[in-house]
Protein backbone atom coordinates (compact mmCIF):
# COMPACT_ATOMS: atom_id res chain seq x y z
CA LYS A 1 -266.88 112.89 47.85
CA LYS A 2 -264.37 113.01 44.65
CA ASN A 3 -261.73 110.16 44.57
CA ASN A 4 -257.96 110.82 42.84
CA ARG A 5 -259.45 110.04 39.24
CA GLN A 6 -262.06 112.41 39.33
CA LEU A 7 -260.03 115.23 40.62
CA ARG A 8 -257.41 114.05 37.63
CA ILE A 9 -260.29 114.69 35.25
CA ILE A 10 -261.47 117.95 36.56
CA ALA A 11 -257.39 119.49 36.29
CA ILE A 12 -257.74 117.76 32.69
CA LEU A 13 -260.79 119.52 31.80
CA ARG A 14 -260.10 122.75 33.40
CA ASN A 15 -257.02 123.58 30.85
CA GLN A 16 -258.95 121.61 27.70
CA THR A 17 -262.86 121.57 27.22
CA ASP A 18 -265.07 119.25 24.84
CA LEU A 19 -263.00 116.15 25.44
CA THR A 20 -264.18 112.43 24.68
CA ILE A 21 -263.45 109.39 26.41
CA LYS A 22 -260.69 108.55 24.36
CA ASP A 23 -258.65 111.77 24.88
CA PHE A 24 -259.10 111.09 29.01
CA VAL A 25 -257.64 107.39 28.36
CA LYS A 26 -254.54 108.26 26.51
CA VAL A 27 -253.80 110.80 29.40
CA ILE A 28 -254.87 108.82 32.76
CA ASP A 29 -253.20 105.80 32.20
CA ASP A 30 -253.74 103.30 35.30
CA CYS A 31 -257.32 102.20 34.90
CA SER A 32 -259.82 101.09 32.41
CA GLU A 33 -261.51 103.51 29.72
CA LYS A 34 -265.08 101.81 31.27
CA THR A 35 -263.55 103.34 34.90
CA ILE A 36 -263.09 106.50 33.32
CA GLN A 37 -266.14 106.17 31.80
CA ARG A 38 -268.01 105.66 35.00
CA GLU A 39 -266.46 108.63 36.77
CA LEU A 40 -267.42 110.71 33.95
CA ILE A 41 -271.22 109.89 34.71
CA ASP A 42 -270.44 110.45 38.20
CA LEU A 43 -269.28 113.56 37.66
CA VAL A 44 -272.24 114.13 35.63
CA GLY A 45 -274.46 113.45 38.28
CA LYS A 46 -273.08 115.34 40.71
CA GLY A 47 -273.50 118.40 37.92
CA ILE A 48 -269.71 119.52 37.99
CA ILE A 49 -269.37 118.10 34.39
CA LYS A 50 -271.51 118.61 31.32
CA ARG A 51 -271.81 115.70 28.40
CA GLU A 52 -272.87 116.77 25.42
CA GLY A 53 -273.58 114.00 22.19
CA GLU A 54 -274.51 110.43 22.59
CA ARG A 55 -272.49 107.29 23.37
CA ARG A 56 -269.39 107.41 21.36
CA TRP A 57 -269.81 110.77 20.09
CA SER A 58 -270.39 112.48 23.64
CA ARG A 59 -267.81 115.24 25.06
CA TYR A 60 -267.63 116.39 28.05
CA SER A 61 -266.45 120.00 29.41
CA LEU A 62 -266.61 121.43 33.15
CA LEU A 63 -270.07 123.22 34.13
CA ARG A 64 -269.14 127.18 34.21
């Protein structure tokens, strides 16, 4: 079950692609960078979004 943060992440990715964790932190300001990172990892694991790159250079996009 997707929570509110994950729904916000998906909504952001519908408008833009190839976003970094720092890009999400600028928009989602009610939680920590680490929390956003956990949500992104969970969404990747569910097959909803994809990650390209490693560590700090990771970029996230919706799977099409």
